[in-house]
Amino acid sequence: MIFLKDKLERIYSQYNKREYINPDPLLFLYDYPEKKNREIAGFIAACLAYGRVELIMETVATVLAKLDPNPFDYLIGQTKKDMANDFKNFQYRFAKGTHLVNLLWGIREVLKRFSSLENCFYEGMSPEDETIIPGLVFFFEQMNRNKDIGHLLADPQKKSACKRSLLFLRWMVRKDQVDPGGWEKISPSLLIVPLDTHMHKIGIMLEFTKRKSLDMKTALEITQGFKQVVRQDPVKYDFCLTRFGIRRGLSMDDLSHVIHGYK
């Protein structure tokens, strides 16, 4: 593990930089210096982060433009009818305007009850929790009271890997050159890797898992593997490792050569 950590740290030092972010919905969070607005923008961006990245960026930009310059004030100040009118023409893959409006209204209700999304997550946590899952479950229940948000938010009790929710948590809980942070009540040690096809291949490459299913159990296995390397920050290497296979000139074969060449 010492040799693996050294190699991962070198990859982190080289690729965990803002210059490697674009195009990624994480970019939108940098436009909001205040936590109350950043967490809203980040959550919306994460919920819409599926499909082709070009369409993701375009869709997130369109939605946030309606909420600017202050998403918090928009959500607190608008009626549901106002929101329905603002997003009556919204359509993104499986998501329709009604799904988005119900999600926005869910955010509004959470803000009114807990003052912030962070407080809502934290309310669902206990000191003995080893992962963020209890907070995810509680947050989903509070957010989904309208029962009609479509595929915009995954239910953590249905074995879903909850990749988009976990990506949002990485953005808000961690703070470094890439992740802007803002949340202080939740420890990075509780985070779970956002599992997609790229991270799944990486998890197999690092021999952290042999499972084929992209579900929460696999995400937890891979997270446990990273905890053997850096217990207090298991998703530290998520961004830099997933540049391989996404960015031009950084293939999965390149990563495999780097990792296995260092054994």
C-alpha atoms as a PDB file:
ATOM      1  CA  MET A   1       0.000   0.000   0.000  1.00  0.00           C
ATOM      2  CA  ILE A   2       2.952   2.334   0.578  1.00  0.00           C
ATOM      3  CA  PHE A   3       4.002   2.018  -3.068  1.00  0.00           C
ATOM      4  CA  LEU A   4       0.406   2.476  -4.252  1.00  0.00           C
ATOM      5  CA  LYS A   5      -0.074   5.560  -2.102  1.00  0.00           C
ATOM      6  CA  ASP A   6       3.120   7.085  -3.474  1.00  0.00           C
ATOM      7  CA  LYS A   7       1.935   6.566  -7.054  1.00  0.00           C
ATOM      8  CA  LEU A   8      -1.558   7.881  -6.305  1.00  0.00           C
ATOM      9  CA  GLU A   9      -0.067  10.951  -4.655  1.00  0.00           C
ATOM     10  CA  ARG A  10       2.003  11.630  -7.768  1.00  0.00           C
ATOM     11  CA  ILE A  11      -1.074  11.327  -9.966  1.00  0.00           C
ATOM     12  CA  TYR A  12      -2.964  13.605  -7.561  1.00  0.00           C
ATOM     13  CA  SER A  13      -0.195  16.219  -7.648  1.00  0.00           C
ATOM     14  CA  GLN A  14      -0.123  16.192 -11.440  1.00  0.00           C
ATOM     15  CA  TYR A  15      -3.808  16.024 -12.359  1.00  0.00           C
ATOM     16  CA  ASN A  16      -5.834  17.325  -9.418  1.00  0.00           C
ATOM     17  CA  LYS A  17      -5.863  20.835 -10.866  1.00  0.00           C
ATOM     18  CA  ARG A  18      -8.567  23.160 -12.146  1.00  0.00           C
ATOM     19  CA  GLU A  19      -7.090  23.125 -15.631  1.00  0.00           C
ATOM     20  CA  TYR A  20      -8.306  19.520 -15.959  1.00  0.00           C
ATOM     21  CA  ILE A  21     -11.913  20.209 -14.943  1.00  0.00           C
ATOM     22  CA  ASN A  22     -13.496  21.528 -18.127  1.00  0.00           C
ATOM     23  CA  PRO A  23     -15.931  20.238 -19.252  1.00  0.00           C
ATOM     24  CA  ASP A  24     -17.432  19.183 -15.929  1.00  0.00           C
ATOM     25  CA  PRO A  25     -20.543  20.474 -14.093  1.00  0.00           C
ATOM     26  CA  LEU A  26     -18.273  21.099 -11.106  1.00  0.00           C
ATOM     27  CA  LEU A  27     -17.286  24.298 -12.924  1.00  0.00           C
ATOM     28  CA  PHE A  28     -20.606  25.925 -12.039  1.00  0.00           C
ATOM     29  CA  LEU A  29     -19.852  25.827  -8.312  1.00  0.00           C
ATOM     30  CA  TYR A  30     -17.009  28.299  -8.706  1.00  0.00           C
ATOM     31  CA  ASP A  31     -19.539  30.978  -9.666  1.00  0.00           C
ATOM     32  CA  TYR A  32     -21.033  30.949  -6.156  1.00  0.00           C
ATOM     33  CA  PRO A  33     -18.736  32.105  -3.330  1.00  0.00           C
ATOM     34  CA  GLU A  34     -21.501  31.879  -0.702  1.00  0.00           C
ATOM     35  CA  LYS A  35     -22.165  28.405   0.673  1.00  0.00           C
ATOM     36  CA  LYS A  36     -25.950  28.870   0.646  1.00  0.00           C
ATOM     37  CA  ASN A  37     -25.900  29.422  -3.110  1.00  0.00           C
ATOM     38  CA  ARG A  38     -23.062  27.019  -3.931  1.00  0.00           C
ATOM     39  CA  GLU A  39     -24.759  24.036  -2.333  1.00  0.00           C
ATOM     40  CA  ILE A  40     -27.957  24.701  -4.297  1.00  0.00           C
ATOM     41  CA  ALA A  41     -26.133  25.182  -7.603  1.00  0.00           C
ATOM     42  CA  GLY A  42     -23.987  22.123  -6.932  1.00  0.00           C
ATOM     43  CA  PHE A  43     -26.944  19.937  -6.055  1.00  0.00           C
ATOM     44  CA  ILE A  44     -28.856  20.944  -9.179  1.00  0.00           C
ATOM     45  CA  ALA A  45     -25.749  20.435 -11.335  1.00  0.00           C
ATOM     46  CA  ALA A  46     -25.195  16.979  -9.848  1.00  0.00           C
ATOM     47  CA  CYS A  47     -28.830  15.938 -10.324  1.00  0.00           C
ATOM     48  CA  LEU A  48     -28.573  16.807 -14.025  1.00  0.00           C
ATOM     49  CA  ALA A  49     -25.147  15.190 -14.489  1.00  0.00           C
ATOM     50  CA  TYR A  50     -26.115  12.267 -16.707  1.00  0.00           C
ATOM     51  CA  GLY A  51     -25.810  11.861 -20.456  1.00  0.00           C
ATOM     52  CA  ARG A  52     -23.457  13.632 -22.834  1.00  0.00           C
ATOM     53  CA  VAL A  53     -21.301  16.177 -21.046  1.00  0.00           C
ATOM     54  CA  GLU A  54     -21.994  18.902 -23.624  1.00  0.00           C
ATOM     55  CA  LEU A  55     -25.741  18.603 -23.022  1.00  0.00           C
ATOM     56  CA  ILE A  56     -25.220  18.445 -19.262  1.00  0.00           C
ATOM     57  CA  MET A  57     -23.302  21.719 -19.301  1.00  0.00           C
ATOM     58  CA  GLU A  58     -25.896  23.400 -21.521  1.00  0.00           C
ATOM     59  CA  THR A  59     -28.827  22.198 -19.412  1.00  0.00           C
ATOM     60  CA  VAL A  60     -27.283  23.146 -16.069  1.00  0.00           C
ATOM     61  CA  ALA A  61     -26.393  26.592 -17.422  1.00  0.00           C
ATOM     62  CA  THR A  62     -29.979  27.098 -18.601  1.00  0.00           C
ATOM     63  CA  VAL A  63     -31.490  26.091 -15.256  1.00  0.00           C
ATOM     64  CA  LEU A  64     -29.086  28.132 -13.132  1.00  0.00           C
ATOM     65  CA  ALA A  65     -29.611  31.183 -15.342  1.00  0.00           C
ATOM     66  CA  LYS A  66     -33.241  31.212 -14.170  1.00  0.00           C
ATOM     67  CA  LEU A  67     -32.110  31.137 -10.533  1.00  0.00           C
ATOM     68  CA  ASP A  68     -29.320  33.711 -10.802  1.00  0.00           C
ATOM     69  CA  PRO A  69     -27.881  35.763  -9.296  1.00  0.00           C
ATOM     70  CA  ASN A  70     -29.001  34.261  -5.986  1.00  0.00           C
ATOM     71  CA  PRO A  71     -30.445  30.709  -6.122  1.00  0.00           C
ATOM     72  CA  PHE A  72     -31.268  30.749  -2.402  1.00  0.00           C
ATOM     73  CA  ASP A  73     -33.373  33.894  -2.703  1.00  0.00           C
ATOM     74  CA  TYR A  74     -35.068  32.562  -5.840  1.00  0.00           C
ATOM     75  CA  LEU A  75     -36.159  29.339  -4.166  1.00  0.00           C
ATOM     76  CA  ILE A  76     -37.369  31.022  -0.995  1.00  0.00           C
ATOM     77  CA  GLY A  77     -39.132  33.854  -2.812  1.00  0.00           C
ATOM     78  CA  GLN A  78     -40.899  32.090  -5.682  1.00  0.00           C
ATOM     79  CA  THR A  79     -44.200  30.252  -5.577  1.00  0.00           C
ATOM     80  CA  LYS A  80     -44.516  26.823  -7.117  1.00  0.00           C
ATOM     81  CA  LYS A  81     -46.635  28.391  -9.842  1.00  0.00           C
ATOM     82  CA  ASP A  82     -43.808  30.835 -10.598  1.00  0.00           C
ATOM     83  CA  MET A  83     -41.354  27.960 -10.895  1.00  0.00           C
ATOM     84  CA  ALA A  84     -43.715  25.997 -13.118  1.00  0.00           C
ATOM     85  CA  ASN A  85     -43.968  28.983 -15.421  1.00  0.00           C
ATOM     86  CA  ASP A  86     -40.189  29.491 -15.492  1.00  0.00           C
ATOM     87  CA  PHE A  87     -39.561  25.865 -16.432  1.00  0.00           C
ATOM     88  CA  LYS A  88     -42.671  25.023 -18.456  1.00  0.00           C
ATOM     89  CA  ASN A  89     -40.538  24.260 -21.512  1.00  0.00           C
ATOM     90  CA  PHE A  90     -37.860  22.307 -19.669  1.00  0.00           C
ATOM     91  CA  GLN A  91     -37.017  18.871 -21.022  1.00  0.00           C
ATOM     92  CA  TYR A  92     -33.804  16.941 -20.529  1.00  0.00           C
ATOM     93  CA  ARG A  93     -33.770  13.286 -21.448  1.00  0.00           C
ATOM     94  CA  PHE A  94     -36.094  11.583 -18.929  1.00  0.00           C
ATOM     95  CA  ALA A  95     -36.662  14.745 -16.903  1.00  0.00           C
ATOM     96  CA  LYS A  96     -39.615  17.023 -17.596  1.00  0.00           C
ATOM     97  CA  GLY A  97     -40.491  20.426 -16.240  1.00  0.00           C
ATOM     98  CA  THR A  98     -42.724  18.922 -13.542  1.00  0.00           C
ATOM     99  CA  HIS A  99     -39.862  16.765 -12.262  1.00  0.00           C
ATOM    100  CA  LEU A 100     -37.509  19.734 -12.080  1.00  0.00           C
ATOM    101  CA  VAL A 101     -40.074  21.973 -10.400  1.00  0.00           C
ATOM    102  CA  ASN A 102     -40.820  19.290  -7.809  1.00  0.00           C
ATOM    103  CA  LEU A 103     -37.093  18.970  -7.154  1.00  0.00           C
ATOM    104  CA  LEU A 104     -36.707  22.735  -6.768  1.00  0.00           C
ATOM    105  CA  TRP A 105     -39.715  22.825  -4.472  1.00  0.00           C
ATOM    106  CA  GLY A 106     -38.194  19.998  -2.474  1.00  0.00           C
ATOM    107  CA  ILE A 107     -35.003  22.029  -2.092  1.00  0.00           C
ATOM    108  CA  ARG A 108     -37.094  25.003  -0.981  1.00  0.00           C
ATOM    109  CA  GLU A 109     -38.902  22.967   1.652  1.00  0.00           C
ATOM    110  CA  VAL A 110     -35.613  21.567   2.963  1.00  0.00           C
ATOM    111  CA  LEU A 111     -34.180  25.079   3.179  1.00  0.00           C
ATOM    112  CA  LYS A 112     -37.219  26.314   5.078  1.00  0.00           C
ATOM    113  CA  ARG A 113     -37.051  23.419   7.564  1.00  0.00           C
ATOM    114  CA  PHE A 114     -33.292  23.101   8.013  1.00  0.00           C
ATOM    115  CA  SER A 115     -31.887  26.458   6.768  1.00  0.00           C
ATOM    116  CA  SER A 116     -29.389  24.675   4.499  1.00  0.00           C
ATOM    117  CA  LEU A 117     -28.873  21.434   2.606  1.00  0.00           C
ATOM    118  CA  GLU A 118     -25.865  20.732   4.818  1.00  0.00           C
ATOM    119  CA  ASN A 119     -28.006  20.904   7.957  1.00  0.00           C
ATOM    120  CA  CYS A 120     -30.470  18.466   6.421  1.00  0.00           C
ATOM    121  CA  PHE A 121     -27.749  15.932   5.660  1.00  0.00           C
ATOM    122  CA  TYR A 122     -26.270  16.386   9.102  1.00  0.00           C
ATOM    123  CA  GLU A 123     -29.659  15.875  10.761  1.00  0.00           C
ATOM    124  CA  GLY A 124     -29.745  12.370   9.320  1.00  0.00           C
ATOM    125  CA  MET A 125     -26.318  11.455  10.687  1.00  0.00           C
ATOM    126  CA  SER A 126     -25.240   9.931  14.007  1.00  0.00           C
ATOM    127  CA  PRO A 127     -21.786   9.991  15.658  1.00  0.00           C
ATOM    128  CA  GLU A 128     -21.361   6.240  15.130  1.00  0.00           C
ATOM    129  CA  ASP A 129     -21.998   6.357  11.363  1.00  0.00           C
ATOM    130  CA  GLU A 130     -19.138   5.026   9.253  1.00  0.00           C
ATOM    131  CA  THR A 131     -20.401   6.392   5.925  1.00  0.00           C
ATOM    132  CA  ILE A 132     -22.654   9.132   4.586  1.00  0.00           C
ATOM    133  CA  ILE A 133     -25.458   6.658   3.756  1.00  0.00           C
ATOM    134  CA  PRO A 134     -27.762   7.529   6.704  1.00  0.00           C
ATOM    135  CA  GLY A 135     -27.541  11.187   5.708  1.00  0.00           C
ATOM    136  CA  LEU A 136     -28.305  10.291   2.094  1.00  0.00           C
ATOM    137  CA  VAL A 137     -31.372   8.301   3.111  1.00  0.00           C
ATOM    138  CA  PHE A 138     -32.699  11.088   5.316  1.00  0.00           C
ATOM    139  CA  PHE A 139     -31.978  13.729   2.685  1.00  0.00           C
ATOM    140  CA  PHE A 140     -33.772  11.751  -0.027  1.00  0.00           C
ATOM    141  CA  GLU A 141     -36.817  11.308   2.179  1.00  0.00           C
ATOM    142  CA  GLN A 142     -36.980  15.038   2.896  1.00  0.00           C
ATOM    143  CA  MET A 143     -36.374  16.005  -0.724  1.00  0.00           C
ATOM    144  CA  ASN A 144     -38.825  13.524  -2.222  1.00  0.00           C
ATOM    145  CA  ARG A 145     -41.953  14.445  -0.313  1.00  0.00           C
ATOM    146  CA  ASN A 146     -43.574  15.432  -3.611  1.00  0.00           C
ATOM    147  CA  LYS A 147     -43.002  11.855  -4.841  1.00  0.00           C
ATOM    148  CA  ASP A 148     -42.503  12.997  -8.429  1.00  0.00           C
ATOM    149  CA  ILE A 149     -38.919  14.002  -9.153  1.00  0.00           C
ATOM    150  CA  GLY A 150     -38.378  11.265 -11.718  1.00  0.00           C
ATOM    151  CA  HIS A 151     -34.777  10.153 -12.154  1.00  0.00           C
ATOM    152  CA  LEU A 152     -33.265  13.394 -10.887  1.00  0.00           C
ATOM    153  CA  LEU A 153     -32.384  11.951  -7.478  1.00  0.00           C
ATOM    154  CA  ALA A 154     -31.567   8.305  -6.750  1.00  0.00           C
ATOM    155  CA  ASP A 155     -33.061   6.475  -3.788  1.00  0.00           C
ATOM    156  CA  PRO A 156     -30.174   5.145  -1.647  1.00  0.00           C
ATOM    157  CA  GLN A 157     -32.435   2.447  -0.200  1.00  0.00           C
ATOM    158  CA  LYS A 158     -32.804   0.791  -3.613  1.00  0.00           C
ATOM    159  CA  LYS A 159     -29.143  -0.331  -3.868  1.00  0.00           C
ATOM    160  CA  SER A 160     -28.352   2.443  -6.337  1.00  0.00           C
ATOM    161  CA  ALA A 161     -24.730   3.613  -6.335  1.00  0.00           C
ATOM    162  CA  CYS A 162     -26.140   7.168  -6.032  1.00  0.00           C
ATOM    163  CA  LYS A 163     -23.241   8.419  -8.126  1.00  0.00           C
ATOM    164  CA  ARG A 164     -24.598  11.936  -8.652  1.00  0.00           C
ATOM    165  CA  SER A 165     -25.451  12.474  -4.986  1.00  0.00           C
ATOM    166  CA  LEU A 166     -22.013  11.236  -3.938  1.00  0.00           C
ATOM    167  CA  LEU A 167     -20.388  13.478  -6.522  1.00  0.00           C
ATOM    168  CA  PHE A 168     -22.226  16.454  -5.034  1.00  0.00           C
ATOM    169  CA  LEU A 169     -21.040  15.477  -1.561  1.00  0.00           C
ATOM    170  CA  ARG A 170     -17.449  15.252  -2.754  1.00  0.00           C
ATOM    171  CA  TRP A 171     -17.691  18.765  -4.172  1.00  0.00           C
ATOM    172  CA  MET A 172     -19.122  20.236  -0.967  1.00  0.00           C
ATOM    173  CA  VAL A 173     -17.373  18.246   1.786  1.00  0.00           C
ATOM    174  CA  ARG A 174     -13.831  18.160   0.410  1.00  0.00           C
ATOM    175  CA  LYS A 175     -11.734  21.247  -0.235  1.00  0.00           C
ATOM    176  CA  ASP A 176      -8.643  21.354  -2.432  1.00  0.00           C
ATOM    177  CA  GLN A 177      -7.609  22.771  -5.811  1.00  0.00           C
ATOM    178  CA  VAL A 178     -10.572  21.047  -7.484  1.00  0.00           C
ATOM    179  CA  ASP A 179     -13.324  20.538  -4.914  1.00  0.00           C
ATOM    180  CA  PRO A 180     -14.481  23.955  -3.614  1.00  0.00           C
ATOM    181  CA  GLY A 181     -15.949  22.656  -0.348  1.00  0.00           C
ATOM    182  CA  GLY A 182     -18.169  24.758   1.902  1.00  0.00           C
ATOM    183  CA  TRP A 183     -19.611  22.128   4.220  1.00  0.00           C
ATOM    184  CA  GLU A 184     -17.873  21.744   7.573  1.00  0.00           C
ATOM    185  CA  LYS A 185     -20.167  19.449   9.580  1.00  0.00           C
ATOM    186  CA  ILE A 186     -19.436  16.255   7.652  1.00  0.00           C
ATOM    187  CA  SER A 187     -16.044  14.550   7.648  1.00  0.00           C
ATOM    188  CA  PRO A 188     -14.452  13.558   4.305  1.00  0.00           C
ATOM    189  CA  SER A 189     -13.754  10.171   5.928  1.00  0.00           C
ATOM    190  CA  LEU A 190     -17.478   9.347   5.599  1.00  0.00           C
ATOM    191  CA  LEU A 191     -17.620   9.902   1.840  1.00  0.00           C
ATOM    192  CA  ILE A 192     -18.113   7.110  -0.704  1.00  0.00           C
ATOM    193  CA  VAL A 193     -16.607   7.078  -4.193  1.00  0.00           C
ATOM    194  CA  PRO A 194     -19.027   8.232  -6.917  1.00  0.00           C
ATOM    195  CA  LEU A 195     -19.189   5.015  -8.927  1.00  0.00           C
ATOM    196  CA  ASP A 196     -19.416   5.114 -12.716  1.00  0.00           C
ATOM    197  CA  THR A 197     -17.893   2.948 -15.446  1.00  0.00           C
ATOM    198  CA  HIS A 198     -14.542   4.721 -15.165  1.00  0.00           C
ATOM    199  CA  MET A 199     -14.228   4.329 -11.400  1.00  0.00           C
ATOM    200  CA  HIS A 200     -15.448   0.738 -11.688  1.00  0.00           C
ATOM    201  CA  LYS A 201     -12.607  -0.094 -14.081  1.00  0.00           C
ATOM    202  CA  ILE A 202     -10.166   1.680 -11.775  1.00  0.00           C
ATOM    203  CA  GLY A 203     -11.457  -0.242  -8.758  1.00  0.00           C
ATOM    204  CA  ILE A 204     -10.906  -3.533 -10.587  1.00  0.00           C
ATOM    205  CA  MET A 205      -7.487  -2.373 -11.785  1.00  0.00           C
ATOM    206  CA  LEU A 206      -6.447  -1.584  -8.215  1.00  0.00           C
ATOM    207  CA  GLU A 207      -7.894  -4.932  -7.063  1.00  0.00           C
ATOM    208  CA  PHE A 208     -10.295  -3.187  -4.695  1.00  0.00           C
ATOM    209  CA  THR A 209     -13.264  -5.127  -6.092  1.00  0.00           C
ATOM    210  CA  LYS A 210     -14.145  -8.047  -8.348  1.00  0.00           C
ATOM    211  CA  ARG A 211     -17.849  -7.216  -8.527  1.00  0.00           C
ATOM    212  CA  LYS A 212     -19.421  -6.489 -11.897  1.00  0.00           C
ATOM    213  CA  SER A 213     -22.475  -4.563 -10.702  1.00  0.00           C
ATOM    214  CA  LEU A 214     -22.278  -0.779 -10.515  1.00  0.00           C
ATOM    215  CA  ASP A 215     -24.226  -0.600  -7.261  1.00  0.00           C
ATOM    216  CA  MET A 216     -23.721   0.714  -3.742  1.00  0.00           C
ATOM    217  CA  LYS A 217     -22.083  -2.506  -2.553  1.00  0.00           C
ATOM    218  CA  THR A 218     -19.393  -2.143  -5.218  1.00  0.00           C
ATOM    219  CA  ALA A 219     -18.959   1.546  -4.405  1.00  0.00           C
ATOM    220  CA  LEU A 220     -18.439   0.638  -0.745  1.00  0.00           C
ATOM    221  CA  GLU A 221     -15.890  -2.052  -1.625  1.00  0.00           C
ATOM    222  CA  ILE A 222     -13.869   0.382  -3.724  1.00  0.00           C
ATOM    223  CA  THR A 223     -14.147   3.028  -1.012  1.00  0.00           C
ATOM    224  CA  GLN A 224     -12.826   0.530   1.528  1.00  0.00           C
ATOM    225  CA  GLY A 225      -9.871  -0.093  -0.763  1.00  0.00           C
ATOM    226  CA  PHE A 226      -9.065   3.602  -0.887  1.00  0.00           C
ATOM    227  CA  LYS A 227      -9.440   3.787   2.895  1.00  0.00           C
ATOM    228  CA  GLN A 228      -6.505   1.403   3.158  1.00  0.00           C
ATOM    229  CA  VAL A 229      -4.482   4.079   1.370  1.00  0.00           C
ATOM    230  CA  VAL A 230      -5.878   7.236   2.970  1.00  0.00           C
ATOM    231  CA  ARG A 231      -8.412   6.469   5.697  1.00  0.00           C
ATOM    232  CA  GLN A 232      -9.481  10.043   6.418  1.00  0.00           C
ATOM    233  CA  ASP A 233     -10.136  10.975   2.772  1.00  0.00           C
ATOM    234  CA  PRO A 234     -11.136   7.933   0.664  1.00  0.00           C
ATOM    235  CA  VAL A 235     -12.417   9.943  -2.314  1.00  0.00           C
ATOM    236  CA  LYS A 236      -9.299  12.126  -2.512  1.00  0.00           C
ATOM    237  CA  TYR A 237      -8.146  10.500  -5.746  1.00  0.00           C
ATOM    238  CA  ASP A 238     -11.551  10.340  -7.454  1.00  0.00           C
ATOM    239  CA  PHE A 239     -11.071  13.365  -9.691  1.00  0.00           C
ATOM    240  CA  CYS A 240      -7.462  12.791 -10.747  1.00  0.00           C
ATOM    241  CA  LEU A 241      -7.936   9.080 -11.476  1.00  0.00           C
ATOM    242  CA  THR A 242     -11.090   9.582 -13.523  1.00  0.00           C
ATOM    243  CA  ARG A 243      -9.295  12.011 -15.834  1.00  0.00           C
ATOM    244  CA  PHE A 244      -7.929   8.819 -17.395  1.00  0.00           C
ATOM    245  CA  GLY A 245     -10.455   7.562 -19.898  1.00  0.00           C
ATOM    246  CA  ILE A 246     -12.221  10.926 -20.057  1.00  0.00           C
ATOM    247  CA  ARG A 247      -9.663  13.461 -21.229  1.00  0.00           C
ATOM    248  CA  ARG A 248      -7.921  13.200 -24.562  1.00  0.00           C
ATOM    249  CA  GLY A 249      -4.404  11.868 -24.169  1.00  0.00           C
ATOM    250  CA  LEU A 250      -5.152  10.128 -20.860  1.00  0.00           C
ATOM    251  CA  SER A 251      -6.333   6.581 -21.529  1.00  0.00           C
ATOM    252  CA  MET A 252      -7.156   3.766 -19.130  1.00  0.00           C
ATOM    253  CA  ASP A 253      -4.188   1.900 -20.621  1.00  0.00           C
ATOM    254  CA  ASP A 254      -1.977   4.811 -19.577  1.00  0.00           C
ATOM    255  CA  LEU A 255      -3.283   4.560 -16.023  1.00  0.00           C
ATOM    256  CA  SER A 256      -2.831   0.786 -15.975  1.00  0.00           C
ATOM    257  CA  HIS A 257       0.765   1.187 -17.114  1.00  0.00           C
ATOM    258  CA  VAL A 258       1.439   3.762 -14.406  1.00  0.00           C
ATOM    259  CA  ILE A 259      -0.176   1.711 -11.623  1.00  0.00           C
ATOM    260  CA  HIS A 260       1.112  -1.729 -12.531  1.00  0.00           C
ATOM    261  CA  GLY A 261       4.493  -0.439 -13.573  1.00  0.00           C
ATOM    262  CA  TYR A 262       5.026   0.706 -10.017  1.00  0.00           C
ATOM    263  CA  LYS A 263       4.337  -2.611  -8.306  1.00  0.00           C
END
